[in-house]
């Protein structure tokens, strides 16, 4: 996903002179191609994520679309106040890019497990969540965000993620993207972010075999109402996310349905088990321990 991000950002920056990339002294072996091609639109802010975010907000207020880039929790939790007050409140075109969503950096321990970021970032009005499930969705998210600059959170995996789409999908905020058309009427798996692979695998085994599978890469506070019309045709919906259940994607989706639909649709949420928070292991092992 990191490679797809930087390749697509370079392509977009060639025709959009407002794109600017700021890193927090991380991303080396990934961001150099952008820095070489656009040295006047690249800045290393150092190990100072709060300053990086304030800087990005200031530049955005002057007309740039700024992308801040760092690992998981560093550009989010470490500078939550700056995101809340400088970026989201002023509705500025800053995209916070977090690499290593979920437990992609599992071997580095809990400090690098990005498992509460949905809870934080989806609570900001004006913030659009961009949580791609494969490299094709990364490119699709970037294309949408550059065409519609706004406060946004782009959550990437790490590296080596499989490609599930045959082409780059066309995205709209709040709209489900079909990945598999199932034969079991009324039943759907709805995934976001790095859990798409887990949803696809689950869709091949009982009791979820035959379910239709959708991805939702663009969502947030303002896209809740759009879920109701899409959910109505289904009798059972199972959500997937590589995030803790509390205040995560599944919680957001249940909130979106409202009390009337919640009585009519059987909704099950699948997420990371919080018991893994004290375990150091690779991503595959932590996902397995969580039941994903």
C-alpha atoms as a PDB file:
ATOM      1  CA  UNK A   1       0.000   0.000   0.000  1.00  0.00           C
ATOM      2  CA  UNK A   2       2.892   2.404   0.735  1.00  0.00           C
ATOM      3  CA  UNK A   3       4.247   1.921  -2.773  1.00  0.00           C
ATOM      4  CA  UNK A   4       0.836   2.440  -4.368  1.00  0.00           C
ATOM      5  CA  UNK A   5       0.404   5.608  -2.288  1.00  0.00           C
ATOM      6  CA  UNK A   6       3.653   7.264  -3.322  1.00  0.00           C
ATOM      7  CA  UNK A   7       3.332   6.219  -6.983  1.00  0.00           C
ATOM      8  CA  UNK A   8      -0.186   7.609  -7.222  1.00  0.00           C
ATOM      9  CA  UNK A   9       0.714  10.774  -5.313  1.00  0.00           C
ATOM     10  CA  UNK A  10       3.540  11.451  -7.791  1.00  0.00           C
ATOM     11  CA  UNK A  11       1.188  10.989 -10.749  1.00  0.00           C
ATOM     12  CA  UNK A  12      -1.336  13.368  -9.225  1.00  0.00           C
ATOM     13  CA  UNK A  13       1.309  15.927  -8.234  1.00  0.00           C
ATOM     14  CA  UNK A  14       2.512  16.185 -11.834  1.00  0.00           C
ATOM     15  CA  UNK A  15      -0.763  17.845 -12.782  1.00  0.00           C
ATOM     16  CA  UNK A  16      -1.676  19.401  -9.427  1.00  0.00           C
ATOM     17  CA  UNK A  17       0.880  21.959  -8.193  1.00  0.00           C
ATOM     18  CA  UNK A  18      -0.975  22.347  -4.868  1.00  0.00           C
ATOM     19  CA  UNK A  19       0.013  18.890  -3.568  1.00  0.00           C
ATOM     20  CA  UNK A  20       2.646  19.048  -0.801  1.00  0.00           C
ATOM     21  CA  UNK A  21       4.105  16.152   1.227  1.00  0.00           C
ATOM     22  CA  UNK A  22       5.411  16.556   4.790  1.00  0.00           C
ATOM     23  CA  UNK A  23       6.974  13.649   6.675  1.00  0.00           C
ATOM     24  CA  UNK A  24       7.861  13.239  10.338  1.00  0.00           C
ATOM     25  CA  UNK A  25      11.388  11.913   9.756  1.00  0.00           C
ATOM     26  CA  UNK A  26       9.963   8.589   8.581  1.00  0.00           C
ATOM     27  CA  UNK A  27       9.133   6.915   5.283  1.00  0.00           C
ATOM     28  CA  UNK A  28      12.622   6.504   3.919  1.00  0.00           C
ATOM     29  CA  UNK A  29      12.964   4.019   1.032  1.00  0.00           C
ATOM     30  CA  UNK A  30       9.369   5.048   0.182  1.00  0.00           C
ATOM     31  CA  UNK A  31       9.119   8.851  -0.123  1.00  0.00           C
ATOM     32  CA  UNK A  32      12.417   9.581  -1.934  1.00  0.00           C
ATOM     33  CA  UNK A  33      10.925   9.422  -5.457  1.00  0.00           C
ATOM     34  CA  UNK A  34       8.477  12.195  -4.540  1.00  0.00           C
ATOM     35  CA  UNK A  35      11.202  14.257  -2.856  1.00  0.00           C
ATOM     36  CA  UNK A  36      13.492  13.976  -5.891  1.00  0.00           C
ATOM     37  CA  UNK A  37      10.823  14.968  -8.403  1.00  0.00           C
ATOM     38  CA  UNK A  38       9.234  17.728  -6.280  1.00  0.00           C
ATOM     39  CA  UNK A  39      11.957  19.059  -3.954  1.00  0.00           C
ATOM     40  CA  UNK A  40      10.059  22.337  -3.497  1.00  0.00           C
ATOM     41  CA  UNK A  41       6.946  20.449  -2.389  1.00  0.00           C
ATOM     42  CA  UNK A  42       8.523  18.091   0.113  1.00  0.00           C
ATOM     43  CA  UNK A  43       9.556  18.769   3.690  1.00  0.00           C
ATOM     44  CA  UNK A  44      10.900  16.675   6.541  1.00  0.00           C
ATOM     45  CA  UNK A  45       9.445  18.239   9.695  1.00  0.00           C
ATOM     46  CA  UNK A  46      11.573  16.049  11.948  1.00  0.00           C
ATOM     47  CA  UNK A  47      10.393  14.055  14.957  1.00  0.00           C
ATOM     48  CA  UNK A  48       7.798  16.727  15.765  1.00  0.00           C
ATOM     49  CA  UNK A  49       4.410  15.492  14.644  1.00  0.00           C
ATOM     50  CA  UNK A  50       2.446  18.237  16.411  1.00  0.00           C
ATOM     51  CA  UNK A  51       4.487  20.901  14.628  1.00  0.00           C
ATOM     52  CA  UNK A  52       4.107  18.947  11.379  1.00  0.00           C
ATOM     53  CA  UNK A  53       0.313  19.105  11.676  1.00  0.00           C
ATOM     54  CA  UNK A  54       0.225  22.788  12.575  1.00  0.00           C
ATOM     55  CA  UNK A  55       2.563  23.517   9.668  1.00  0.00           C
ATOM     56  CA  UNK A  56       0.320  21.518   7.326  1.00  0.00           C
ATOM     57  CA  UNK A  57      -2.742  23.463   8.479  1.00  0.00           C
ATOM     58  CA  UNK A  58      -0.988  26.766   7.851  1.00  0.00           C
ATOM     59  CA  UNK A  59       0.084  25.730   4.368  1.00  0.00           C
ATOM     60  CA  UNK A  60      -3.401  24.411   3.615  1.00  0.00           C
ATOM     61  CA  UNK A  61      -4.869  27.778   4.600  1.00  0.00           C
ATOM     62  CA  UNK A  62      -2.653  29.280   1.890  1.00  0.00           C
ATOM     63  CA  UNK A  63      -3.959  26.995  -0.841  1.00  0.00           C
ATOM     64  CA  UNK A  64      -1.951  23.763  -0.636  1.00  0.00           C
ATOM     65  CA  UNK A  65      -3.363  20.270  -0.236  1.00  0.00           C
ATOM     66  CA  UNK A  66      -0.934  18.892   2.334  1.00  0.00           C
ATOM     67  CA  UNK A  67      -0.282  15.235   3.041  1.00  0.00           C
ATOM     68  CA  UNK A  68       1.339  14.466   6.408  1.00  0.00           C
ATOM     69  CA  UNK A  69       2.973  11.038   6.576  1.00  0.00           C
ATOM     70  CA  UNK A  70       4.132   8.891   9.466  1.00  0.00           C
ATOM     71  CA  UNK A  71       3.635   5.523  11.166  1.00  0.00           C
ATOM     72  CA  UNK A  72       0.262   4.623  12.668  1.00  0.00           C
ATOM     73  CA  UNK A  73      -0.245   6.380  15.986  1.00  0.00           C
ATOM     74  CA  UNK A  74       2.350   9.122  15.459  1.00  0.00           C
ATOM     75  CA  UNK A  75       0.421  11.434  13.065  1.00  0.00           C
ATOM     76  CA  UNK A  76      -2.878  10.763  14.862  1.00  0.00           C
ATOM     77  CA  UNK A  77      -2.820  10.351  18.654  1.00  0.00           C
ATOM     78  CA  UNK A  78       0.390  12.312  19.142  1.00  0.00           C
ATOM     79  CA  UNK A  79      -1.141  15.387  17.530  1.00  0.00           C
ATOM     80  CA  UNK A  80      -4.860  14.924  18.159  1.00  0.00           C
ATOM     81  CA  UNK A  81      -5.299  18.507  19.396  1.00  0.00           C
ATOM     82  CA  UNK A  82      -3.756  19.968  16.247  1.00  0.00           C
ATOM     83  CA  UNK A  83      -5.932  17.758  14.034  1.00  0.00           C
ATOM     84  CA  UNK A  84      -9.038  18.738  15.996  1.00  0.00           C
ATOM     85  CA  UNK A  85      -8.435  22.484  16.280  1.00  0.00           C
ATOM     86  CA  UNK A  86      -6.213  23.357  13.313  1.00  0.00           C
ATOM     87  CA  UNK A  87      -7.337  20.968  10.569  1.00  0.00           C
ATOM     88  CA  UNK A  88     -10.863  19.656  11.152  1.00  0.00           C
ATOM     89  CA  UNK A  89     -12.340  22.739  12.846  1.00  0.00           C
ATOM     90  CA  UNK A  90     -11.133  25.015  10.052  1.00  0.00           C
ATOM     91  CA  UNK A  91     -12.147  22.470   7.377  1.00  0.00           C
ATOM     92  CA  UNK A  92      -8.719  22.577   5.736  1.00  0.00           C
ATOM     93  CA  UNK A  93      -7.418  20.315   2.938  1.00  0.00           C
ATOM     94  CA  UNK A  94      -4.973  18.264   4.996  1.00  0.00           C
ATOM     95  CA  UNK A  95      -4.757  14.491   4.548  1.00  0.00           C
ATOM     96  CA  UNK A  96      -3.250  12.684   7.531  1.00  0.00           C
ATOM     97  CA  UNK A  97      -1.550   9.548   6.208  1.00  0.00           C
ATOM     98  CA  UNK A  98      -0.927   6.771   8.731  1.00  0.00           C
ATOM     99  CA  UNK A  99       1.136   3.777   7.634  1.00  0.00           C
ATOM    100  CA  UNK A 100       0.735   0.420   9.360  1.00  0.00           C
ATOM    101  CA  UNK A 101      -2.978   0.387  10.159  1.00  0.00           C
ATOM    102  CA  UNK A 102      -4.194  -2.278  12.531  1.00  0.00           C
ATOM    103  CA  UNK A 103      -1.377  -4.575  13.609  1.00  0.00           C
ATOM    104  CA  UNK A 104       0.762  -4.288  10.467  1.00  0.00           C
ATOM    105  CA  UNK A 105       3.708  -3.329  12.729  1.00  0.00           C
ATOM    106  CA  UNK A 106       2.871  -6.149  15.135  1.00  0.00           C
ATOM    107  CA  UNK A 107       6.472  -7.032  15.966  1.00  0.00           C
ATOM    108  CA  UNK A 108       7.121  -3.502  17.280  1.00  0.00           C
ATOM    109  CA  UNK A 109       4.564  -3.895  20.056  1.00  0.00           C
ATOM    110  CA  UNK A 110       1.592  -1.949  21.356  1.00  0.00           C
ATOM    111  CA  UNK A 111       3.128   1.497  20.765  1.00  0.00           C
ATOM    112  CA  UNK A 112       2.929   0.718  17.024  1.00  0.00           C
ATOM    113  CA  UNK A 113      -0.452  -1.081  17.005  1.00  0.00           C
ATOM    114  CA  UNK A 114      -2.897   1.271  15.303  1.00  0.00           C
ATOM    115  CA  UNK A 115      -6.035  -0.195  16.822  1.00  0.00           C
ATOM    116  CA  UNK A 116      -7.919   2.821  18.233  1.00  0.00           C
ATOM    117  CA  UNK A 117      -7.438   5.288  15.391  1.00  0.00           C
ATOM    118  CA  UNK A 118     -10.953   4.923  13.958  1.00  0.00           C
ATOM    119  CA  UNK A 119     -12.349   5.836  17.372  1.00  0.00           C
ATOM    120  CA  UNK A 120     -10.317   9.046  17.419  1.00  0.00           C
ATOM    121  CA  UNK A 121     -10.483  10.179  13.828  1.00  0.00           C
ATOM    122  CA  UNK A 122     -14.147   9.458  13.113  1.00  0.00           C
ATOM    123  CA  UNK A 123     -15.150  11.682  16.032  1.00  0.00           C
ATOM    124  CA  UNK A 124     -14.029  14.865  14.238  1.00  0.00           C
ATOM    125  CA  UNK A 125     -16.725  16.688  12.245  1.00  0.00           C
ATOM    126  CA  UNK A 126     -15.635  17.332   8.625  1.00  0.00           C
ATOM    127  CA  UNK A 127     -13.135  14.433   8.734  1.00  0.00           C
ATOM    128  CA  UNK A 128     -13.436  11.907   5.908  1.00  0.00           C
ATOM    129  CA  UNK A 129     -12.054   8.463   6.687  1.00  0.00           C
ATOM    130  CA  UNK A 130     -10.198   6.858   3.771  1.00  0.00           C
ATOM    131  CA  UNK A 131      -9.448   3.252   4.681  1.00  0.00           C
ATOM    132  CA  UNK A 132      -8.518   1.247   1.575  1.00  0.00           C
ATOM    133  CA  UNK A 133      -8.531  -2.543   1.593  1.00  0.00           C
ATOM    134  CA  UNK A 134      -5.950  -3.121  -1.131  1.00  0.00           C
ATOM    135  CA  UNK A 135      -3.501  -1.127  -3.322  1.00  0.00           C
ATOM    136  CA  UNK A 136      -6.197  -0.466  -5.936  1.00  0.00           C
ATOM    137  CA  UNK A 137      -8.384   1.153  -3.303  1.00  0.00           C
ATOM    138  CA  UNK A 138      -5.375   3.215  -2.170  1.00  0.00           C
ATOM    139  CA  UNK A 139      -5.149   4.733  -5.645  1.00  0.00           C
ATOM    140  CA  UNK A 140      -8.909   5.233  -5.776  1.00  0.00           C
ATOM    141  CA  UNK A 141      -8.938   6.980  -2.393  1.00  0.00           C
ATOM    142  CA  UNK A 142      -6.124   9.316  -3.441  1.00  0.00           C
ATOM    143  CA  UNK A 143      -7.861  10.240  -6.662  1.00  0.00           C
ATOM    144  CA  UNK A 144     -11.029  11.108  -4.782  1.00  0.00           C
ATOM    145  CA  UNK A 145      -9.237  13.092  -2.059  1.00  0.00           C
ATOM    146  CA  UNK A 146      -7.207  15.144  -4.530  1.00  0.00           C
ATOM    147  CA  UNK A 147     -10.318  15.895  -6.567  1.00  0.00           C
ATOM    148  CA  UNK A 148     -12.216  16.810  -3.380  1.00  0.00           C
ATOM    149  CA  UNK A 149      -9.659  18.332  -0.966  1.00  0.00           C
ATOM    150  CA  UNK A 150     -10.879  18.312   2.629  1.00  0.00           C
ATOM    151  CA  UNK A 151      -9.834  17.169   6.104  1.00  0.00           C
ATOM    152  CA  UNK A 152      -9.174  13.465   5.637  1.00  0.00           C
ATOM    153  CA  UNK A 153      -7.495  10.464   7.199  1.00  0.00           C
ATOM    154  CA  UNK A 154      -5.800   7.972   4.866  1.00  0.00           C
ATOM    155  CA  UNK A 155      -5.025   4.728   6.695  1.00  0.00           C
ATOM    156  CA  UNK A 156      -2.594   2.458   4.858  1.00  0.00           C
ATOM    157  CA  UNK A 157      -1.247  -1.002   5.457  1.00  0.00           C
ATOM    158  CA  UNK A 158       2.486  -1.580   5.380  1.00  0.00           C
ATOM    159  CA  UNK A 159       3.765  -3.536   2.395  1.00  0.00           C
ATOM    160  CA  UNK A 160       3.055  -6.649   0.383  1.00  0.00           C
ATOM    161  CA  UNK A 161      -0.733  -6.513   0.658  1.00  0.00           C
ATOM    162  CA  UNK A 162      -2.542  -8.564  -2.015  1.00  0.00           C
ATOM    163  CA  UNK A 163      -4.581  -6.917  -4.763  1.00  0.00           C
ATOM    164  CA  UNK A 164      -8.266  -7.874  -4.696  1.00  0.00           C
ATOM    165  CA  UNK A 165      -9.697  -5.574  -7.372  1.00  0.00           C
ATOM    166  CA  UNK A 166      -9.028  -6.181 -11.072  1.00  0.00           C
ATOM    167  CA  UNK A 167      -9.061  -2.424 -11.717  1.00  0.00           C
ATOM    168  CA  UNK A 168      -9.154   0.820  -9.766  1.00  0.00           C
ATOM    169  CA  UNK A 169     -12.704   1.207  -8.408  1.00  0.00           C
ATOM    170  CA  UNK A 170     -14.627   4.453  -8.546  1.00  0.00           C
ATOM    171  CA  UNK A 171     -15.373   5.639  -5.032  1.00  0.00           C
ATOM    172  CA  UNK A 172     -17.991   7.851  -3.434  1.00  0.00           C
ATOM    173  CA  UNK A 173     -18.088   8.662   0.295  1.00  0.00           C
ATOM    174  CA  UNK A 174     -20.388   6.307   2.149  1.00  0.00           C
ATOM    175  CA  UNK A 175     -21.007   4.062  -0.866  1.00  0.00           C
ATOM    176  CA  UNK A 176     -20.282   0.330  -0.683  1.00  0.00           C
ATOM    177  CA  UNK A 177     -18.038  -1.182  -3.368  1.00  0.00           C
ATOM    178  CA  UNK A 178     -18.880  -4.730  -4.390  1.00  0.00           C
ATOM    179  CA  UNK A 179     -15.940  -7.125  -4.388  1.00  0.00           C
ATOM    180  CA  UNK A 180     -17.757 -10.486  -4.577  1.00  0.00           C
ATOM    181  CA  UNK A 181     -21.325 -11.205  -5.699  1.00  0.00           C
ATOM    182  CA  UNK A 182     -22.569 -13.997  -3.473  1.00  0.00           C
ATOM    183  CA  UNK A 183     -25.337 -16.508  -4.035  1.00  0.00           C
ATOM    184  CA  UNK A 184     -26.810 -16.396  -0.535  1.00  0.00           C
ATOM    185  CA  UNK A 185     -29.653 -13.908  -0.777  1.00  0.00           C
ATOM    186  CA  UNK A 186     -29.941 -11.312   1.954  1.00  0.00           C
ATOM    187  CA  UNK A 187     -26.502 -11.877   3.471  1.00  0.00           C
ATOM    188  CA  UNK A 188     -23.502  -9.554   3.164  1.00  0.00           C
ATOM    189  CA  UNK A 189     -20.017  -9.052   4.568  1.00  0.00           C
ATOM    190  CA  UNK A 190     -19.039  -5.372   4.809  1.00  0.00           C
ATOM    191  CA  UNK A 191     -15.362  -4.598   5.336  1.00  0.00           C
ATOM    192  CA  UNK A 192     -13.159  -1.556   5.631  1.00  0.00           C
ATOM    193  CA  UNK A 193      -9.389  -1.119   5.613  1.00  0.00           C
ATOM    194  CA  UNK A 194      -6.961  -3.973   6.031  1.00  0.00           C
ATOM    195  CA  UNK A 195      -9.690  -6.433   7.060  1.00  0.00           C
ATOM    196  CA  UNK A 196     -10.809  -6.943   3.458  1.00  0.00           C
ATOM    197  CA  UNK A 197      -8.584 -10.007   3.109  1.00  0.00           C
ATOM    198  CA  UNK A 198     -10.114 -11.527   6.243  1.00  0.00           C
ATOM    199  CA  UNK A 199     -13.614 -10.881   4.916  1.00  0.00           C
ATOM    200  CA  UNK A 200     -12.797 -12.536   1.591  1.00  0.00           C
ATOM    201  CA  UNK A 201     -11.305 -15.555   3.336  1.00  0.00           C
ATOM    202  CA  UNK A 202     -14.302 -15.846   5.662  1.00  0.00           C
ATOM    203  CA  UNK A 203     -16.627 -15.660   2.676  1.00  0.00           C
ATOM    204  CA  UNK A 204     -15.216 -18.960   1.434  1.00  0.00           C
ATOM    205  CA  UNK A 205     -15.926 -20.970   4.579  1.00  0.00           C
ATOM    206  CA  UNK A 206     -19.017 -21.792   6.640  1.00  0.00           C
ATOM    207  CA  UNK A 207     -21.057 -20.188   8.078  1.00  0.00           C
ATOM    208  CA  UNK A 208     -20.332 -17.167   5.865  1.00  0.00           C
ATOM    209  CA  UNK A 209     -19.834 -18.989   2.557  1.00  0.00           C
ATOM    210  CA  UNK A 210     -21.871 -17.511  -0.261  1.00  0.00           C
ATOM    211  CA  UNK A 211     -22.276 -14.075   1.293  1.00  0.00           C
ATOM    212  CA  UNK A 212     -21.860 -11.064  -0.969  1.00  0.00           C
ATOM    213  CA  UNK A 213     -18.795  -9.028  -0.002  1.00  0.00           C
ATOM    214  CA  UNK A 214     -18.502  -5.260  -0.087  1.00  0.00           C
ATOM    215  CA  UNK A 215     -15.780  -2.805   0.875  1.00  0.00           C
ATOM    216  CA  UNK A 216     -16.408   0.685   2.271  1.00  0.00           C
ATOM    217  CA  UNK A 217     -13.214   2.745   1.836  1.00  0.00           C
ATOM    218  CA  UNK A 218     -14.681   6.269   2.337  1.00  0.00           C
ATOM    219  CA  UNK A 219     -16.809   6.924   5.411  1.00  0.00           C
ATOM    220  CA  UNK A 220     -17.230   9.214   8.390  1.00  0.00           C
ATOM    221  CA  UNK A 221     -19.659  11.219  10.475  1.00  0.00           C
ATOM    222  CA  UNK A 222     -21.309  12.810   7.446  1.00  0.00           C
ATOM    223  CA  UNK A 223     -21.869   9.500   5.636  1.00  0.00           C
ATOM    224  CA  UNK A 224     -24.023   7.802   8.280  1.00  0.00           C
ATOM    225  CA  UNK A 225     -27.404   8.473   6.674  1.00  0.00           C
ATOM    226  CA  UNK A 226     -26.233   6.929   3.403  1.00  0.00           C
ATOM    227  CA  UNK A 227     -25.915   3.536   5.101  1.00  0.00           C
ATOM    228  CA  UNK A 228     -29.617   3.069   5.708  1.00  0.00           C
ATOM    229  CA  UNK A 229     -30.737   2.758   2.094  1.00  0.00           C
ATOM    230  CA  UNK A 230     -27.845   0.402   1.299  1.00  0.00           C
ATOM    231  CA  UNK A 231     -28.539  -1.803   4.322  1.00  0.00           C
ATOM    232  CA  UNK A 232     -32.303  -2.176   3.792  1.00  0.00           C
ATOM    233  CA  UNK A 233     -32.160  -5.017   1.216  1.00  0.00           C
ATOM    234  CA  UNK A 234     -30.098  -7.229   3.544  1.00  0.00           C
ATOM    235  CA  UNK A 235     -31.306  -9.410   6.395  1.00  0.00           C
ATOM    236  CA  UNK A 236     -27.835 -10.122   7.821  1.00  0.00           C
ATOM    237  CA  UNK A 237     -24.724  -7.904   7.714  1.00  0.00           C
ATOM    238  CA  UNK A 238     -21.354  -8.876   9.168  1.00  0.00           C
ATOM    239  CA  UNK A 239     -18.776  -6.076   9.446  1.00  0.00           C
ATOM    240  CA  UNK A 240     -14.997  -6.628   9.407  1.00  0.00           C
ATOM    241  CA  UNK A 241     -12.243  -4.314  10.660  1.00  0.00           C
ATOM    242  CA  UNK A 242      -8.658  -4.564  11.920  1.00  0.00           C
ATOM    243  CA  UNK A 243      -9.429  -2.257  14.845  1.00  0.00           C
ATOM    244  CA  UNK A 244     -10.848  -2.767  18.320  1.00  0.00           C
ATOM    245  CA  UNK A 245     -14.630  -3.072  18.418  1.00  0.00           C
ATOM    246  CA  UNK A 246     -15.102  -0.094  20.746  1.00  0.00           C
ATOM    247  CA  UNK A 247     -15.945   3.001  18.678  1.00  0.00           C
ATOM    248  CA  UNK A 248     -14.662   1.313  15.545  1.00  0.00           C
ATOM    249  CA  UNK A 249     -16.130   0.768  12.095  1.00  0.00           C
ATOM    250  CA  UNK A 250     -18.734  -1.772  13.225  1.00  0.00           C
ATOM    251  CA  UNK A 251     -19.894   0.569  15.964  1.00  0.00           C
ATOM    252  CA  UNK A 252     -20.123   3.407  13.452  1.00  0.00           C
ATOM    253  CA  UNK A 253     -22.181   1.236  11.117  1.00  0.00           C
ATOM    254  CA  UNK A 254     -24.610   0.143  13.846  1.00  0.00           C
ATOM    255  CA  UNK A 255     -25.022   3.786  14.891  1.00  0.00           C
ATOM    256  CA  UNK A 256     -25.715   4.673  11.253  1.00  0.00           C
ATOM    257  CA  UNK A 257     -28.702   2.324  10.960  1.00  0.00           C
ATOM    258  CA  UNK A 258     -30.740   3.923  13.696  1.00  0.00           C
ATOM    259  CA  UNK A 259     -33.024   2.061  16.093  1.00  0.00           C
ATOM    260  CA  UNK A 260     -35.682   1.185  13.501  1.00  0.00           C
ATOM    261  CA  UNK A 261     -33.356  -0.695  11.121  1.00  0.00           C
ATOM    262  CA  UNK A 262     -31.369  -2.267  13.933  1.00  0.00           C
ATOM    263  CA  UNK A 263     -34.497  -4.192  14.900  1.00  0.00           C
ATOM    264  CA  UNK A 264     -34.921  -5.520  11.361  1.00  0.00           C
ATOM    265  CA  UNK A 265     -31.346  -6.424  10.358  1.00  0.00           C
ATOM    266  CA  UNK A 266     -29.095  -8.912  12.118  1.00  0.00           C
ATOM    267  CA  UNK A 267     -25.750  -7.077  12.420  1.00  0.00           C
ATOM    268  CA  UNK A 268     -22.624  -8.837  13.672  1.00  0.00           C
ATOM    269  CA  UNK A 269     -19.298  -7.045  14.127  1.00  0.00           C
ATOM    270  CA  UNK A 270     -15.917  -8.748  13.769  1.00  0.00           C
ATOM    271  CA  UNK A 271     -12.835  -6.914  14.967  1.00  0.00           C
ATOM    272  CA  UNK A 272      -9.509  -7.247  16.759  1.00  0.00           C
ATOM    273  CA  UNK A 273      -9.620  -8.766  20.217  1.00  0.00           C
ATOM    274  CA  UNK A 274      -8.308  -6.239  22.803  1.00  0.00           C
ATOM    275  CA  UNK A 275      -6.490  -9.110  24.536  1.00  0.00           C
ATOM    276  CA  UNK A 276      -3.787  -8.874  21.864  1.00  0.00           C
ATOM    277  CA  UNK A 277      -2.712  -5.440  23.114  1.00  0.00           C
ATOM    278  CA  UNK A 278      -0.006  -6.927  25.345  1.00  0.00           C
ATOM    279  CA  UNK A 279       1.303  -9.379  22.754  1.00  0.00           C
ATOM    280  CA  UNK A 280       4.275  -8.823  20.440  1.00  0.00           C
ATOM    281  CA  UNK A 281       3.952 -10.918  17.285  1.00  0.00           C
ATOM    282  CA  UNK A 282       3.696 -10.490  13.539  1.00  0.00           C
ATOM    283  CA  UNK A 283       0.516  -9.299  11.845  1.00  0.00           C
ATOM    284  CA  UNK A 284      -0.583 -12.767  10.755  1.00  0.00           C
ATOM    285  CA  UNK A 285      -0.310 -14.165  14.276  1.00  0.00           C
ATOM    286  CA  UNK A 286      -2.140 -11.228  15.874  1.00  0.00           C
ATOM    287  CA  UNK A 287      -4.944 -11.398  13.311  1.00  0.00           C
ATOM    288  CA  UNK A 288      -5.306 -15.134  13.981  1.00  0.00           C
ATOM    289  CA  UNK A 289      -5.387 -14.594  17.743  1.00  0.00           C
ATOM    290  CA  UNK A 290      -8.164 -12.065  17.168  1.00  0.00           C
ATOM    291  CA  UNK A 291     -10.269 -14.473  15.152  1.00  0.00           C
ATOM    292  CA  UNK A 292      -9.722 -12.618  11.885  1.00  0.00           C
END
